[in-house]
Amino acid sequence: MRTMRVVVLVLLLCGAGLQARAEDSPSPEALDAAKELMAVISPDMLKQLATSVSATFWPVVEQRARADKIDDATIAELRTEFERIQFAFASDAMKDAPPIYARHFTVDELKELTAFYQTPAGAKALREMPQVMGELTANLMPRLQEVQRQTGEAFTKILHDHGYVK
């Protein structure tokens, strides 16, 4: 029960921040510029992002499957489905990108970003960033459980100190 209260509090706080940002409406010109940027960065990035996520998380899934004595053919089918789902997830998530970019960047900045990603350095950034982010995520994963524990303890103490948790 104590953990649920902490989770609900965190979700409420996070949801309030997301709702406030969702109400900001970008101009049509900014939205068009953001869509143009997405057209430049999305195609390769989606595949690379899905591949990177798969490379980061698949070993844990496979290890668990092998521990459960699942055969190689079934594991291969599981991986194919896992990668399909990751790509679909990334594709769907990218649909939300233009309005977000348009809220955070001016039209001129979006056009500059589009131009940058069409340069050799920008094209390389698009190729390498999913791998970089995948490696960063892999480095964070072992630390995440400890951060969750610390956050839970800190929130529980504060809620206890204020009489919300006994």
Foldseek 3Di string as FASTA:
>chain_A
DLLVVLVVVVCVVVVVVVVVVVPDFFDPLQLVLLVLLCVLQPPLLLLLLLVLVCVLPVVVVVVVCVVVVNDPVVSVVVSVVSSVVSSVVSVVVVVPRSRVSRVVDPSVVSNVLSVQCVDPVNVVCSVCVSNVVSVVVSVCVVVVVVVVVVSSVVVSVVCVVVPNHD
